[in-house]
Amino acid sequence: MASWEDYKVDIPEGKEGDWTVSKFDVSKEEASTQNMRASFAFSSRGMGIEAGTYTRLQHGGTTVMSDTPSEIRDHRTPIDVARGEVLIVGLGIGMVAAACLKKPGVTKVTVVEMSPEVIHLTGDHLKGIYGDRLEIIEADILDWKPPKGRKWDVAWFDIWNDKCGDNTVEMSKLNRRYGRRTEWKGCWGESECKEANRQWAREKKALGLC
């Protein structure tokens, strides 16, 4: 898969509780306006966009994940390195899971997702396509204890709605916990979150607050 369009999902629209999967259209004018806003911020999901039709997962009206170009770019690295057995934390619209499962070198994908509504909206559809190659576990990754000796070749953690420095606390915890269980691991937005903390530290120093 070479183009970002190859990663767009085909899950059906639906609603479960406060969770909704829906399609949305973006015009050229809307794309231009949104991309201008994106040049001034890094915190939100799916801000870089082109005109077209996309799929998004929303919780209470807030977009949690979409298959817009910028969102896909954020997830290209774990997809590119995926091989063997893969652990994905945070199901979303299933974009990363599906992209990994399409690779012949990936034997199994295990997804840990805490929301039963998301599993019903997205996971059931993917299970119907990929069968036993896809394992979905309903659990909070911060509390979940994997079986003794369980390891993965690749792990990707995506449990945050926005990129902010506060996320690094949970990222550090997950990196430590799964450091010896994976050959490669990563967290969504980790570099940007760390940079936000460094920038805040510089600002505090300049203001004489530390």
C-alpha atoms as a PDB file:
ATOM      1  CA  MET A   1       0.000   0.000   0.000  1.00  0.00           C
ATOM      2  CA  ALA A   2       1.715   3.154  -1.234  1.00  0.00           C
ATOM      3  CA  SER A   3      -1.006   5.838  -1.170  1.00  0.00           C
ATOM      4  CA  TRP A   4      -2.776   7.142   1.931  1.00  0.00           C
ATOM      5  CA  GLU A   5      -6.045   6.277   0.189  1.00  0.00           C
ATOM      6  CA  ASP A   6      -5.136   2.584   0.469  1.00  0.00           C
ATOM      7  CA  TYR A   7      -5.559   2.870   4.254  1.00  0.00           C
ATOM      8  CA  LYS A   8      -9.095   4.275   4.253  1.00  0.00           C
ATOM      9  CA  VAL A   9     -11.558   2.019   6.064  1.00  0.00           C
ATOM     10  CA  ASP A  10     -14.803   0.425   4.887  1.00  0.00           C
ATOM     11  CA  ILE A  11     -16.592  -0.103   8.205  1.00  0.00           C
ATOM     12  CA  PRO A  12     -20.349   0.620   8.135  1.00  0.00           C
ATOM     13  CA  GLU A  13     -21.928   3.585   9.849  1.00  0.00           C
ATOM     14  CA  GLY A  14     -23.565   2.925  13.205  1.00  0.00           C
ATOM     15  CA  LYS A  15     -24.271   4.145  16.732  1.00  0.00           C
ATOM     16  CA  GLU A  16     -23.787   2.473  20.110  1.00  0.00           C
ATOM     17  CA  GLY A  17     -24.518   4.578  23.183  1.00  0.00           C
ATOM     18  CA  ASP A  18     -22.439   7.763  22.957  1.00  0.00           C
ATOM     19  CA  TRP A  19     -20.252   6.289  20.203  1.00  0.00           C
ATOM     20  CA  THR A  20     -20.895   6.896  16.510  1.00  0.00           C
ATOM     21  CA  VAL A  21     -19.223   5.798  13.270  1.00  0.00           C
ATOM     22  CA  SER A  22     -20.156   8.065  10.380  1.00  0.00           C
ATOM     23  CA  LYS A  23     -19.040   9.212   6.957  1.00  0.00           C
ATOM     24  CA  PHE A  24     -18.366  12.884   6.298  1.00  0.00           C
ATOM     25  CA  ASP A  25     -17.567  14.945   3.232  1.00  0.00           C
ATOM     26  CA  VAL A  26     -14.934  17.662   3.030  1.00  0.00           C
ATOM     27  CA  SER A  27     -15.079  20.255   0.252  1.00  0.00           C
ATOM     28  CA  LYS A  28     -12.019  21.947  -1.227  1.00  0.00           C
ATOM     29  CA  GLU A  29     -12.904  25.145   0.624  1.00  0.00           C
ATOM     30  CA  GLU A  30     -13.303  23.322   3.950  1.00  0.00           C
ATOM     31  CA  ALA A  31     -10.025  21.476   3.420  1.00  0.00           C
ATOM     32  CA  SER A  32      -8.191  24.732   2.753  1.00  0.00           C
ATOM     33  CA  THR A  33      -9.583  26.365   5.899  1.00  0.00           C
ATOM     34  CA  GLN A  34      -8.858  23.362   8.102  1.00  0.00           C
ATOM     35  CA  ASN A  35      -5.309  22.982   6.809  1.00  0.00           C
ATOM     36  CA  MET A  36      -4.636  26.639   7.566  1.00  0.00           C
ATOM     37  CA  ARG A  37      -5.760  26.058  11.154  1.00  0.00           C
ATOM     38  CA  ALA A  38      -3.608  22.943  11.336  1.00  0.00           C
ATOM     39  CA  SER A  39      -0.499  24.997  10.622  1.00  0.00           C
ATOM     40  CA  PHE A  40      -0.954  26.708  13.991  1.00  0.00           C
ATOM     41  CA  ALA A  41      -1.730  23.673  16.169  1.00  0.00           C
ATOM     42  CA  PHE A  42      -0.677  20.062  16.656  1.00  0.00           C
ATOM     43  CA  SER A  43      -3.050  18.825  19.341  1.00  0.00           C
ATOM     44  CA  SER A  44      -6.078  17.560  17.427  1.00  0.00           C
ATOM     45  CA  ARG A  45      -6.617  14.502  15.301  1.00  0.00           C
ATOM     46  CA  GLY A  46      -7.057  14.514  11.532  1.00  0.00           C
ATOM     47  CA  MET A  47      -6.292  18.200  11.003  1.00  0.00           C
ATOM     48  CA  GLY A  48      -4.381  17.842   7.700  1.00  0.00           C
ATOM     49  CA  ILE A  49      -6.975  16.917   5.096  1.00  0.00           C
ATOM     50  CA  GLU A  50      -7.887  16.839   1.408  1.00  0.00           C
ATOM     51  CA  ALA A  51     -11.283  17.149  -0.208  1.00  0.00           C
ATOM     52  CA  GLY A  52     -13.133  13.828  -0.183  1.00  0.00           C
ATOM     53  CA  THR A  53     -15.267  11.423   1.857  1.00  0.00           C
ATOM     54  CA  TYR A  54     -13.932  10.024   5.136  1.00  0.00           C
ATOM     55  CA  THR A  55     -14.941   7.856   8.089  1.00  0.00           C
ATOM     56  CA  ARG A  56     -14.743   9.002  11.698  1.00  0.00           C
ATOM     57  CA  LEU A  57     -15.388   7.604  15.163  1.00  0.00           C
ATOM     58  CA  GLN A  58     -16.925  10.073  17.589  1.00  0.00           C
ATOM     59  CA  HIS A  59     -17.608   9.917  21.307  1.00  0.00           C
ATOM     60  CA  GLY A  60     -20.197  12.394  22.500  1.00  0.00           C
ATOM     61  CA  GLY A  61     -19.646  14.470  19.374  1.00  0.00           C
ATOM     62  CA  THR A  62     -15.852  14.587  19.735  1.00  0.00           C
ATOM     63  CA  THR A  63     -13.819  12.923  16.986  1.00  0.00           C
ATOM     64  CA  VAL A  64     -11.649  10.167  18.426  1.00  0.00           C
ATOM     65  CA  MET A  65     -10.236   8.842  15.154  1.00  0.00           C
ATOM     66  CA  SER A  66     -10.660   9.272  11.415  1.00  0.00           C
ATOM     67  CA  ASP A  67      -9.065   8.065   8.190  1.00  0.00           C
ATOM     68  CA  THR A  68      -7.976  11.507   7.024  1.00  0.00           C
ATOM     69  CA  PRO A  69      -4.504  11.851   5.441  1.00  0.00           C
ATOM     70  CA  SER A  70      -2.856  13.373   8.523  1.00  0.00           C
ATOM     71  CA  GLU A  71      -4.269  10.672  10.786  1.00  0.00           C
ATOM     72  CA  ILE A  72      -3.018   7.992   8.424  1.00  0.00           C
ATOM     73  CA  ARG A  73       0.436   9.592   8.353  1.00  0.00           C
ATOM     74  CA  ASP A  74       0.501   9.503  12.161  1.00  0.00           C
ATOM     75  CA  HIS A  75       0.105   5.711  12.008  1.00  0.00           C
ATOM     76  CA  ARG A  76       2.308   4.851   9.035  1.00  0.00           C
ATOM     77  CA  THR A  77       5.347   3.826  11.089  1.00  0.00           C
ATOM     78  CA  PRO A  78       3.709   0.997  13.088  1.00  0.00           C
ATOM     79  CA  ILE A  79       1.987  -0.209   9.919  1.00  0.00           C
ATOM     80  CA  ASP A  80       5.248  -0.182   7.975  1.00  0.00           C
ATOM     81  CA  VAL A  81       7.175  -2.112  10.646  1.00  0.00           C
ATOM     82  CA  ALA A  82       4.340  -4.556  11.428  1.00  0.00           C
ATOM     83  CA  ARG A  83       5.353  -8.206  11.205  1.00  0.00           C
ATOM     84  CA  GLY A  84       4.653 -11.460  12.990  1.00  0.00           C
ATOM     85  CA  GLU A  85       2.398 -10.843  15.985  1.00  0.00           C
ATOM     86  CA  VAL A  86       1.203  -7.293  16.549  1.00  0.00           C
ATOM     87  CA  LEU A  87      -0.356  -5.670  19.634  1.00  0.00           C
ATOM     88  CA  ILE A  88      -2.575  -2.652  19.001  1.00  0.00           C
ATOM     89  CA  VAL A  89      -4.016  -0.727  21.927  1.00  0.00           C
ATOM     90  CA  GLY A  90      -7.037   1.340  20.983  1.00  0.00           C
ATOM     91  CA  LEU A  91      -9.251  -0.027  18.204  1.00  0.00           C
ATOM     92  CA  GLY A  92     -10.732   3.199  16.868  1.00  0.00           C
ATOM     93  CA  ILE A  93     -12.076   2.701  13.344  1.00  0.00           C
ATOM     94  CA  GLY A  94      -9.791  -0.292  12.900  1.00  0.00           C
ATOM     95  CA  MET A  95      -7.535   1.455  10.407  1.00  0.00           C
ATOM     96  CA  VAL A  96      -4.243   0.278  11.902  1.00  0.00           C
ATOM     97  CA  ALA A  97      -5.483  -3.234  12.634  1.00  0.00           C
ATOM     98  CA  ALA A  98      -6.828  -3.698   9.096  1.00  0.00           C
ATOM     99  CA  ALA A  99      -3.695  -2.288   7.478  1.00  0.00           C
ATOM    100  CA  CYS A 100      -1.499  -4.644   9.508  1.00  0.00           C
ATOM    101  CA  LEU A 101      -3.685  -7.660   8.744  1.00  0.00           C
ATOM    102  CA  LYS A 102      -3.417  -6.945   5.017  1.00  0.00           C
ATOM    103  CA  LYS A 103       0.335  -7.518   5.228  1.00  0.00           C
ATOM    104  CA  PRO A 104       1.323 -11.128   4.444  1.00  0.00           C
ATOM    105  CA  GLY A 105       4.088 -10.997   7.046  1.00  0.00           C
ATOM    106  CA  VAL A 106       1.622 -10.374   9.886  1.00  0.00           C
ATOM    107  CA  THR A 107       0.351 -13.616  11.396  1.00  0.00           C
ATOM    108  CA  LYS A 108      -1.890 -12.217  14.130  1.00  0.00           C
ATOM    109  CA  VAL A 109      -3.114  -8.906  15.511  1.00  0.00           C
ATOM    110  CA  THR A 110      -4.222  -8.561  19.134  1.00  0.00           C
ATOM    111  CA  VAL A 111      -6.270  -5.459  19.921  1.00  0.00           C
ATOM    112  CA  VAL A 112      -6.923  -4.254  23.464  1.00  0.00           C
ATOM    113  CA  GLU A 113      -9.930  -1.913  23.564  1.00  0.00           C
ATOM    114  CA  MET A 114     -11.748  -0.776  26.697  1.00  0.00           C
ATOM    115  CA  SER A 115     -15.041   0.254  25.073  1.00  0.00           C
ATOM    116  CA  PRO A 116     -17.543  -2.531  24.295  1.00  0.00           C
ATOM    117  CA  GLU A 117     -19.402  -0.072  22.052  1.00  0.00           C
ATOM    118  CA  VAL A 118     -16.335   0.472  19.877  1.00  0.00           C
ATOM    119  CA  ILE A 119     -15.741  -3.268  19.701  1.00  0.00           C
ATOM    120  CA  HIS A 120     -19.304  -3.769  18.483  1.00  0.00           C
ATOM    121  CA  LEU A 121     -19.143  -0.926  15.958  1.00  0.00           C
ATOM    122  CA  THR A 122     -15.721  -1.718  14.520  1.00  0.00           C
ATOM    123  CA  GLY A 123     -14.383  -4.996  15.866  1.00  0.00           C
ATOM    124  CA  ASP A 124     -17.290  -7.209  14.837  1.00  0.00           C
ATOM    125  CA  HIS A 125     -16.945  -6.010  11.242  1.00  0.00           C
ATOM    126  CA  LEU A 126     -13.208  -6.718  11.184  1.00  0.00           C
ATOM    127  CA  LYS A 127     -13.637 -10.134  12.811  1.00  0.00           C
ATOM    128  CA  GLY A 128     -15.989 -11.058   9.999  1.00  0.00           C
ATOM    129  CA  ILE A 129     -13.218 -10.329   7.516  1.00  0.00           C
ATOM    130  CA  TYR A 130     -10.071 -11.564   9.264  1.00  0.00           C
ATOM    131  CA  GLY A 131     -11.396 -14.281  11.567  1.00  0.00           C
ATOM    132  CA  ASP A 132      -8.927 -15.860  13.970  1.00  0.00           C
ATOM    133  CA  ARG A 133      -6.045 -13.683  12.773  1.00  0.00           C
ATOM    134  CA  LEU A 134      -7.667 -10.899  14.788  1.00  0.00           C
ATOM    135  CA  GLU A 135      -8.026 -11.162  18.567  1.00  0.00           C
ATOM    136  CA  ILE A 136      -9.948  -8.443  20.406  1.00  0.00           C
ATOM    137  CA  ILE A 137      -9.697  -8.111  24.175  1.00  0.00           C
ATOM    138  CA  GLU A 138     -12.035  -5.807  26.093  1.00  0.00           C
ATOM    139  CA  ALA A 139      -9.869  -4.210  28.774  1.00  0.00           C
ATOM    140  CA  ASP A 140      -8.185  -1.024  29.954  1.00  0.00           C
ATOM    141  CA  ILE A 141      -4.541  -1.401  28.930  1.00  0.00           C
ATOM    142  CA  LEU A 142      -3.415   0.406  32.088  1.00  0.00           C
ATOM    143  CA  ASP A 143      -5.014  -2.359  34.173  1.00  0.00           C
ATOM    144  CA  TRP A 144      -4.770  -5.340  31.812  1.00  0.00           C
ATOM    145  CA  LYS A 145      -2.218  -8.012  32.625  1.00  0.00           C
ATOM    146  CA  PRO A 146      -1.136 -10.062  29.603  1.00  0.00           C
ATOM    147  CA  PRO A 147      -0.516 -13.790  30.037  1.00  0.00           C
ATOM    148  CA  LYS A 148       2.829 -14.706  31.525  1.00  0.00           C
ATOM    149  CA  GLY A 149       5.496 -14.917  28.849  1.00  0.00           C
ATOM    150  CA  ARG A 150       3.291 -13.323  26.159  1.00  0.00           C
ATOM    151  CA  LYS A 151       5.307 -11.298  23.662  1.00  0.00           C
ATOM    152  CA  TRP A 152       4.730  -9.443  20.408  1.00  0.00           C
ATOM    153  CA  ASP A 153       6.943  -8.369  17.559  1.00  0.00           C
ATOM    154  CA  VAL A 154       5.347  -4.921  17.341  1.00  0.00           C
ATOM    155  CA  ALA A 155       3.177  -2.903  19.748  1.00  0.00           C
ATOM    156  CA  TRP A 156       1.336   0.357  19.079  1.00  0.00           C
ATOM    157  CA  PHE A 157      -0.395   2.369  21.806  1.00  0.00           C
ATOM    158  CA  ASP A 158      -3.106   4.852  20.814  1.00  0.00           C
ATOM    159  CA  ILE A 159      -5.387   5.626  23.759  1.00  0.00           C
ATOM    160  CA  TRP A 160      -5.313   9.445  23.702  1.00  0.00           C
ATOM    161  CA  ASN A 161      -7.767  11.792  21.981  1.00  0.00           C
ATOM    162  CA  ASP A 162      -5.316  14.691  21.700  1.00  0.00           C
ATOM    163  CA  LYS A 163      -1.595  15.322  21.761  1.00  0.00           C
ATOM    164  CA  CYS A 164      -0.468  17.033  24.960  1.00  0.00           C
ATOM    165  CA  GLY A 165       2.436  16.854  27.352  1.00  0.00           C
ATOM    166  CA  ASP A 166       0.363  15.185  30.066  1.00  0.00           C
ATOM    167  CA  ASN A 167       0.120  12.051  27.918  1.00  0.00           C
ATOM    168  CA  THR A 168       3.790  11.251  28.489  1.00  0.00           C
ATOM    169  CA  VAL A 169       3.058   9.943  31.996  1.00  0.00           C
ATOM    170  CA  GLU A 170       0.953   7.085  30.620  1.00  0.00           C
ATOM    171  CA  MET A 171       3.305   6.643  27.669  1.00  0.00           C
ATOM    172  CA  SER A 172       6.267   6.106  29.982  1.00  0.00           C
ATOM    173  CA  LYS A 173       4.284   3.600  32.019  1.00  0.00           C
ATOM    174  CA  LEU A 174       3.324   1.602  28.918  1.00  0.00           C
ATOM    175  CA  ASN A 175       6.824   1.742  27.463  1.00  0.00           C
ATOM    176  CA  ARG A 176       8.267   0.355  30.694  1.00  0.00           C
ATOM    177  CA  ARG A 177       5.597  -2.309  31.092  1.00  0.00           C
ATOM    178  CA  TYR A 178       5.913  -3.632  27.538  1.00  0.00           C
ATOM    179  CA  GLY A 179       9.592  -2.935  26.928  1.00  0.00           C
ATOM    180  CA  ARG A 180      10.604  -6.575  27.308  1.00  0.00           C
ATOM    181  CA  ARG A 181       7.481  -7.945  25.677  1.00  0.00           C
ATOM    182  CA  THR A 182       8.059  -6.343  22.286  1.00  0.00           C
ATOM    183  CA  GLU A 183      10.828  -5.939  19.741  1.00  0.00           C
ATOM    184  CA  TRP A 184       9.392  -2.604  18.569  1.00  0.00           C
ATOM    185  CA  LYS A 185       6.883  -0.338  20.281  1.00  0.00           C
ATOM    186  CA  GLY A 186       5.536   3.157  19.861  1.00  0.00           C
ATOM    187  CA  CYS A 187       2.897   5.594  21.113  1.00  0.00           C
ATOM    188  CA  TRP A 188       0.729   7.894  19.028  1.00  0.00           C
ATOM    189  CA  GLY A 189       2.057  11.466  19.147  1.00  0.00           C
ATOM    190  CA  GLU A 190       4.881  10.670  21.571  1.00  0.00           C
ATOM    191  CA  SER A 191       7.480  12.952  19.988  1.00  0.00           C
ATOM    192  CA  GLU A 192       5.064  15.901  19.837  1.00  0.00           C
ATOM    193  CA  CYS A 193       3.984  15.368  23.444  1.00  0.00           C
ATOM    194  CA  LYS A 194       7.590  15.316  24.624  1.00  0.00           C
ATOM    195  CA  GLU A 195       8.331  18.466  22.655  1.00  0.00           C
ATOM    196  CA  ALA A 196       5.325  20.158  24.285  1.00  0.00           C
ATOM    197  CA  ASN A 197       6.844  19.389  27.689  1.00  0.00           C
ATOM    198  CA  ARG A 198      10.236  20.721  26.616  1.00  0.00           C
ATOM    199  CA  GLN A 199       8.634  23.901  25.301  1.00  0.00           C
ATOM    200  CA  TRP A 200       6.724  24.376  28.557  1.00  0.00           C
ATOM    201  CA  ALA A 201       9.932  23.892  30.532  1.00  0.00           C
ATOM    202  CA  ARG A 202      11.666  26.546  28.416  1.00  0.00           C
ATOM    203  CA  GLU A 203       8.787  28.966  28.919  1.00  0.00           C
ATOM    204  CA  LYS A 204       8.759  28.429  32.694  1.00  0.00           C
ATOM    205  CA  LYS A 205      12.496  29.031  32.827  1.00  0.00           C
ATOM    206  CA  ALA A 206      12.178  32.218  30.800  1.00  0.00           C
ATOM    207  CA  LEU A 207       9.476  33.456  33.176  1.00  0.00           C
ATOM    208  CA  GLY A 208      11.529  32.543  36.233  1.00  0.00           C
ATOM    209  CA  LEU A 209       9.017  29.942  37.387  1.00  0.00           C
ATOM    210  CA  CYS A 210      11.571  27.190  37.938  1.00  0.00           C
END
